[in-house]
Amino acid sequence: MIEFLESYGFLGLFTGSFLAATIVPFSSDVLIIGVLVAGMNPLLAFLWATAGNWLGGLTSYWIGHFGKWQWIEKWMGVSEEKLLRQKHWIDKHGSLIAFFSWVPFFGDVLSLGLGFYKVNFTKSAIFMLIGKAVRYAFWILLYFMLGDTLADFKIL
């Protein structure tokens, strides 16, 4: 993986972070740690990863924005009743929900939902940017605290 990141550099980080914020099922957290382990500039890594993930989230927002209730019901098997419950939840919390769009997998659904229910784009974009920036700042800070041992971390 290190060789891949070194060969594609920040463009690879941007692209991977963008795709991870859409419906592609992987996490860009591994990418940000990978570029740091590879010795790339942490500030540039932060900026490229944040920009890519934010633009990917905004893409998901707009995909949701152009979605139709009938498509969700037909292709995803979600009932109108469930859609109305989700709309109530999104209406209650508004664009602040976009802050949590960084959460792997769940955040993709949030971004789509914000667009689907036509939540204010500007506010959603700002909260989304803040959330994604905090995420990458956390990983970079954690890397500075733990160093390369962070890349060796295993869950089981």
C-alpha atoms as a PDB file:
ATOM      1  CA  MET A   1       0.000   0.000   0.000  1.00  0.00           C
ATOM      2  CA  ILE A   2       2.856   2.389   0.829  1.00  0.00           C
ATOM      3  CA  GLU A   3       4.227   1.993  -2.700  1.00  0.00           C
ATOM      4  CA  PHE A   4       0.805   2.788  -4.162  1.00  0.00           C
ATOM      5  CA  LEU A   5       0.490   5.926  -2.046  1.00  0.00           C
ATOM      6  CA  GLU A   6       4.011   7.051  -2.848  1.00  0.00           C
ATOM      7  CA  SER A   7       3.440   6.575  -6.570  1.00  0.00           C
ATOM      8  CA  TYR A   8       0.103   8.408  -6.663  1.00  0.00           C
ATOM      9  CA  GLY A   9       0.828  10.785  -3.789  1.00  0.00           C
ATOM     10  CA  PHE A  10      -1.691  13.407  -2.866  1.00  0.00           C
ATOM     11  CA  LEU A  11      -3.772  12.778  -5.990  1.00  0.00           C
ATOM     12  CA  GLY A  12      -4.235   9.172  -4.807  1.00  0.00           C
ATOM     13  CA  LEU A  13      -5.161  10.404  -1.329  1.00  0.00           C
ATOM     14  CA  PHE A  14      -7.652  12.883  -2.785  1.00  0.00           C
ATOM     15  CA  THR A  15      -9.201  10.257  -5.077  1.00  0.00           C
ATOM     16  CA  GLY A  16      -9.397   7.607  -2.355  1.00  0.00           C
ATOM     17  CA  SER A  17     -10.891  10.085   0.111  1.00  0.00           C
ATOM     18  CA  PHE A  18     -13.408  11.217  -2.501  1.00  0.00           C
ATOM     19  CA  LEU A  19     -14.499   7.651  -3.274  1.00  0.00           C
ATOM     20  CA  ALA A  20     -14.685   6.729   0.413  1.00  0.00           C
ATOM     21  CA  ALA A  21     -17.247   9.526   0.917  1.00  0.00           C
ATOM     22  CA  THR A  22     -19.515   8.058  -1.720  1.00  0.00           C
ATOM     23  CA  ILE A  23     -21.059   4.603  -1.763  1.00  0.00           C
ATOM     24  CA  VAL A  24     -17.689   2.867  -2.325  1.00  0.00           C
ATOM     25  CA  PRO A  25     -17.306   0.710   0.810  1.00  0.00           C
ATOM     26  CA  PHE A  26     -13.936   1.531   2.338  1.00  0.00           C
ATOM     27  CA  SER A  27     -12.481   3.954   4.829  1.00  0.00           C
ATOM     28  CA  SER A  28     -10.076   6.760   4.000  1.00  0.00           C
ATOM     29  CA  ASP A  29      -8.683   6.619   7.542  1.00  0.00           C
ATOM     30  CA  VAL A  30      -6.274   3.933   6.369  1.00  0.00           C
ATOM     31  CA  LEU A  31      -5.172   6.178   3.501  1.00  0.00           C
ATOM     32  CA  ILE A  32      -4.367   9.169   5.709  1.00  0.00           C
ATOM     33  CA  ILE A  33      -2.287   6.993   8.058  1.00  0.00           C
ATOM     34  CA  GLY A  34      -0.611   5.396   5.038  1.00  0.00           C
ATOM     35  CA  VAL A  35       0.553   8.705   3.569  1.00  0.00           C
ATOM     36  CA  LEU A  36       1.833   9.823   6.958  1.00  0.00           C
ATOM     37  CA  VAL A  37       3.771   6.569   7.388  1.00  0.00           C
ATOM     38  CA  ALA A  38       5.134   7.091   3.862  1.00  0.00           C
ATOM     39  CA  GLY A  39       6.557  10.403   5.065  1.00  0.00           C
ATOM     40  CA  MET A  40       4.312  12.785   3.181  1.00  0.00           C
ATOM     41  CA  ASN A  41       3.626  16.295   4.476  1.00  0.00           C
ATOM     42  CA  PRO A  42       0.912  16.136   7.195  1.00  0.00           C
ATOM     43  CA  LEU A  43      -0.576  19.564   6.404  1.00  0.00           C
ATOM     44  CA  LEU A  44      -0.891  18.771   2.703  1.00  0.00           C
ATOM     45  CA  ALA A  45      -2.260  15.323   3.537  1.00  0.00           C
ATOM     46  CA  PHE A  46      -4.870  16.982   5.772  1.00  0.00           C
ATOM     47  CA  LEU A  47      -5.875  19.435   3.050  1.00  0.00           C
ATOM     48  CA  TRP A  48      -6.031  16.852   0.222  1.00  0.00           C
ATOM     49  CA  ALA A  49      -7.896  14.246   2.286  1.00  0.00           C
ATOM     50  CA  THR A  50     -10.370  16.787   3.657  1.00  0.00           C
ATOM     51  CA  ALA A  51     -11.025  18.282   0.216  1.00  0.00           C
ATOM     52  CA  GLY A  52     -11.515  14.886  -1.417  1.00  0.00           C
ATOM     53  CA  ASN A  53     -13.770  13.538   1.316  1.00  0.00           C
ATOM     54  CA  TRP A  54     -15.779  16.759   1.447  1.00  0.00           C
ATOM     55  CA  LEU A  55     -16.322  16.848  -2.314  1.00  0.00           C
ATOM     56  CA  GLY A  56     -17.264  13.157  -2.231  1.00  0.00           C
ATOM     57  CA  GLY A  57     -19.809  13.909   0.492  1.00  0.00           C
ATOM     58  CA  LEU A  58     -21.201  16.801  -1.539  1.00  0.00           C
ATOM     59  CA  THR A  59     -21.478  14.472  -4.527  1.00  0.00           C
ATOM     60  CA  SER A  60     -23.525  12.084  -2.391  1.00  0.00           C
ATOM     61  CA  TYR A  61     -25.660  15.037  -1.280  1.00  0.00           C
ATOM     62  CA  TRP A  62     -26.433  15.919  -4.912  1.00  0.00           C
ATOM     63  CA  ILE A  63     -27.110  12.304  -5.858  1.00  0.00           C
ATOM     64  CA  GLY A  64     -29.656  12.253  -3.048  1.00  0.00           C
ATOM     65  CA  HIS A  65     -31.006  15.636  -4.113  1.00  0.00           C
ATOM     66  CA  PHE A  66     -31.950  14.274  -7.532  1.00  0.00           C
ATOM     67  CA  GLY A  67     -33.405  11.057  -6.098  1.00  0.00           C
ATOM     68  CA  LYS A  68     -37.104  10.306  -6.195  1.00  0.00           C
ATOM     69  CA  TRP A  69     -39.318   8.664  -3.561  1.00  0.00           C
ATOM     70  CA  GLN A  70     -40.497   6.097  -6.101  1.00  0.00           C
ATOM     71  CA  TRP A  71     -36.899   5.005  -6.807  1.00  0.00           C
ATOM     72  CA  ILE A  72     -36.141   4.501  -3.106  1.00  0.00           C
ATOM     73  CA  GLU A  73     -39.312   2.498  -2.618  1.00  0.00           C
ATOM     74  CA  LYS A  74     -38.817   0.394  -5.749  1.00  0.00           C
ATOM     75  CA  TRP A  75     -35.049  -0.243  -5.803  1.00  0.00           C
ATOM     76  CA  MET A  76     -34.236  -0.191  -2.105  1.00  0.00           C
ATOM     77  CA  GLY A  77     -37.455  -1.620  -0.734  1.00  0.00           C
ATOM     78  CA  VAL A  78     -37.945   1.225   1.743  1.00  0.00           C
ATOM     79  CA  SER A  79     -41.553   1.971   2.558  1.00  0.00           C
ATOM     80  CA  GLU A  80     -43.069   5.432   2.412  1.00  0.00           C
ATOM     81  CA  GLU A  81     -43.720   5.162   6.156  1.00  0.00           C
ATOM     82  CA  LYS A  82     -40.009   4.655   6.850  1.00  0.00           C
ATOM     83  CA  LEU A  83     -39.090   7.531   4.531  1.00  0.00           C
ATOM     84  CA  LEU A  84     -41.476   9.810   6.426  1.00  0.00           C
ATOM     85  CA  ARG A  85     -39.906   8.777   9.773  1.00  0.00           C
ATOM     86  CA  GLN A  86     -36.456   9.552   8.370  1.00  0.00           C
ATOM     87  CA  LYS A  87     -37.676  12.892   7.055  1.00  0.00           C
ATOM     88  CA  HIS A  88     -39.028  13.771  10.498  1.00  0.00           C
ATOM     89  CA  TRP A  89     -35.637  12.953  12.062  1.00  0.00           C
ATOM     90  CA  ILE A  90     -33.745  14.984   9.453  1.00  0.00           C
ATOM     91  CA  ASP A  91     -36.193  17.898   9.753  1.00  0.00           C
ATOM     92  CA  LYS A  92     -35.705  17.835  13.535  1.00  0.00           C
ATOM     93  CA  HIS A  93     -31.884  18.012  13.401  1.00  0.00           C
ATOM     94  CA  GLY A  94     -31.409  19.828  10.093  1.00  0.00           C
ATOM     95  CA  SER A  95     -28.066  20.512   8.472  1.00  0.00           C
ATOM     96  CA  LEU A  96     -26.203  19.845  11.739  1.00  0.00           C
ATOM     97  CA  ILE A  97     -26.484  16.167  10.787  1.00  0.00           C
ATOM     98  CA  ALA A  98     -23.903  16.839   8.066  1.00  0.00           C
ATOM     99  CA  PHE A  99     -21.201  17.155  10.751  1.00  0.00           C
ATOM    100  CA  PHE A 100     -21.467  13.374  11.226  1.00  0.00           C
ATOM    101  CA  SER A 101     -21.082  12.574   7.535  1.00  0.00           C
ATOM    102  CA  TRP A 102     -17.483  11.530   8.319  1.00  0.00           C
ATOM    103  CA  VAL A 103     -18.674   8.371  10.102  1.00  0.00           C
ATOM    104  CA  PRO A 104     -17.690   5.437   7.850  1.00  0.00           C
ATOM    105  CA  PHE A 105     -20.610   3.902   5.901  1.00  0.00           C
ATOM    106  CA  PHE A 106     -23.303   5.633   8.009  1.00  0.00           C
ATOM    107  CA  GLY A 107     -22.088   9.060   6.861  1.00  0.00           C
ATOM    108  CA  ASP A 108     -22.687   8.152   3.223  1.00  0.00           C
ATOM    109  CA  VAL A 109     -26.350   7.511   3.999  1.00  0.00           C
ATOM    110  CA  LEU A 110     -26.556  10.797   5.915  1.00  0.00           C
ATOM    111  CA  SER A 111     -25.169  12.741   2.962  1.00  0.00           C
ATOM    112  CA  LEU A 112     -27.616  11.088   0.580  1.00  0.00           C
ATOM    113  CA  GLY A 113     -30.483  11.729   2.989  1.00  0.00           C
ATOM    114  CA  LEU A 114     -29.620  15.402   3.422  1.00  0.00           C
ATOM    115  CA  GLY A 115     -29.781  15.838  -0.332  1.00  0.00           C
ATOM    116  CA  PHE A 116     -32.832  13.647  -0.752  1.00  0.00           C
ATOM    117  CA  TYR A 117     -34.813  15.686   1.783  1.00  0.00           C
ATOM    118  CA  LYS A 118     -33.488  18.979   0.319  1.00  0.00           C
ATOM    119  CA  VAL A 119     -31.847  20.211   3.543  1.00  0.00           C
ATOM    120  CA  ASN A 120     -30.152  23.612   3.114  1.00  0.00           C
ATOM    121  CA  PHE A 121     -27.113  22.962   0.905  1.00  0.00           C
ATOM    122  CA  THR A 122     -24.862  25.769   2.173  1.00  0.00           C
ATOM    123  CA  LYS A 123     -25.313  24.913   5.853  1.00  0.00           C
ATOM    124  CA  SER A 124     -24.962  21.200   5.128  1.00  0.00           C
ATOM    125  CA  ALA A 125     -21.763  21.824   3.162  1.00  0.00           C
ATOM    126  CA  ILE A 126     -20.254  23.893   5.982  1.00  0.00           C
ATOM    127  CA  PHE A 127     -21.086  21.349   8.701  1.00  0.00           C
ATOM    128  CA  MET A 128     -19.872  18.542   6.452  1.00  0.00           C
ATOM    129  CA  LEU A 129     -16.554  20.311   5.882  1.00  0.00           C
ATOM    130  CA  ILE A 130     -16.070  20.922   9.602  1.00  0.00           C
ATOM    131  CA  GLY A 131     -16.839  17.302  10.481  1.00  0.00           C
ATOM    132  CA  LYS A 132     -14.513  15.876   7.866  1.00  0.00           C
ATOM    133  CA  ALA A 133     -11.716  18.294   8.834  1.00  0.00           C
ATOM    134  CA  VAL A 134     -12.040  17.308  12.505  1.00  0.00           C
ATOM    135  CA  ARG A 135     -11.823  13.641  11.495  1.00  0.00           C
ATOM    136  CA  TYR A 136      -8.531  14.029   9.619  1.00  0.00           C
ATOM    137  CA  ALA A 137      -7.092  16.387  12.244  1.00  0.00           C
ATOM    138  CA  PHE A 138      -7.811  13.656  14.824  1.00  0.00           C
ATOM    139  CA  TRP A 139      -5.966  11.004  12.784  1.00  0.00           C
ATOM    140  CA  ILE A 140      -2.981  13.266  12.184  1.00  0.00           C
ATOM    141  CA  LEU A 141      -2.804  14.184  15.872  1.00  0.00           C
ATOM    142  CA  LEU A 142      -3.061  10.514  16.805  1.00  0.00           C
ATOM    143  CA  TYR A 143      -0.271   9.720  14.347  1.00  0.00           C
ATOM    144  CA  PHE A 144       1.959  12.365  15.934  1.00  0.00           C
ATOM    145  CA  MET A 145       1.229  10.893  19.370  1.00  0.00           C
ATOM    146  CA  LEU A 146       1.714   7.215  18.448  1.00  0.00           C
ATOM    147  CA  GLY A 147       3.940   7.396  15.373  1.00  0.00           C
ATOM    148  CA  ASP A 148       4.320   4.470  12.996  1.00  0.00           C
ATOM    149  CA  THR A 149       2.926   2.105  15.646  1.00  0.00           C
ATOM    150  CA  LEU A 150      -0.518   3.398  14.666  1.00  0.00           C
ATOM    151  CA  ALA A 151      -0.107   1.634  11.299  1.00  0.00           C
ATOM    152  CA  ASP A 152       0.613  -1.649  13.145  1.00  0.00           C
ATOM    153  CA  PHE A 153      -2.574  -1.487  15.247  1.00  0.00           C
ATOM    154  CA  LYS A 154      -4.739  -4.605  14.961  1.00  0.00           C
ATOM    155  CA  ILE A 155      -8.231  -4.987  16.366  1.00  0.00           C
ATOM    156  CA  LEU A 156      -8.122  -8.759  16.878  1.00  0.00           C
END
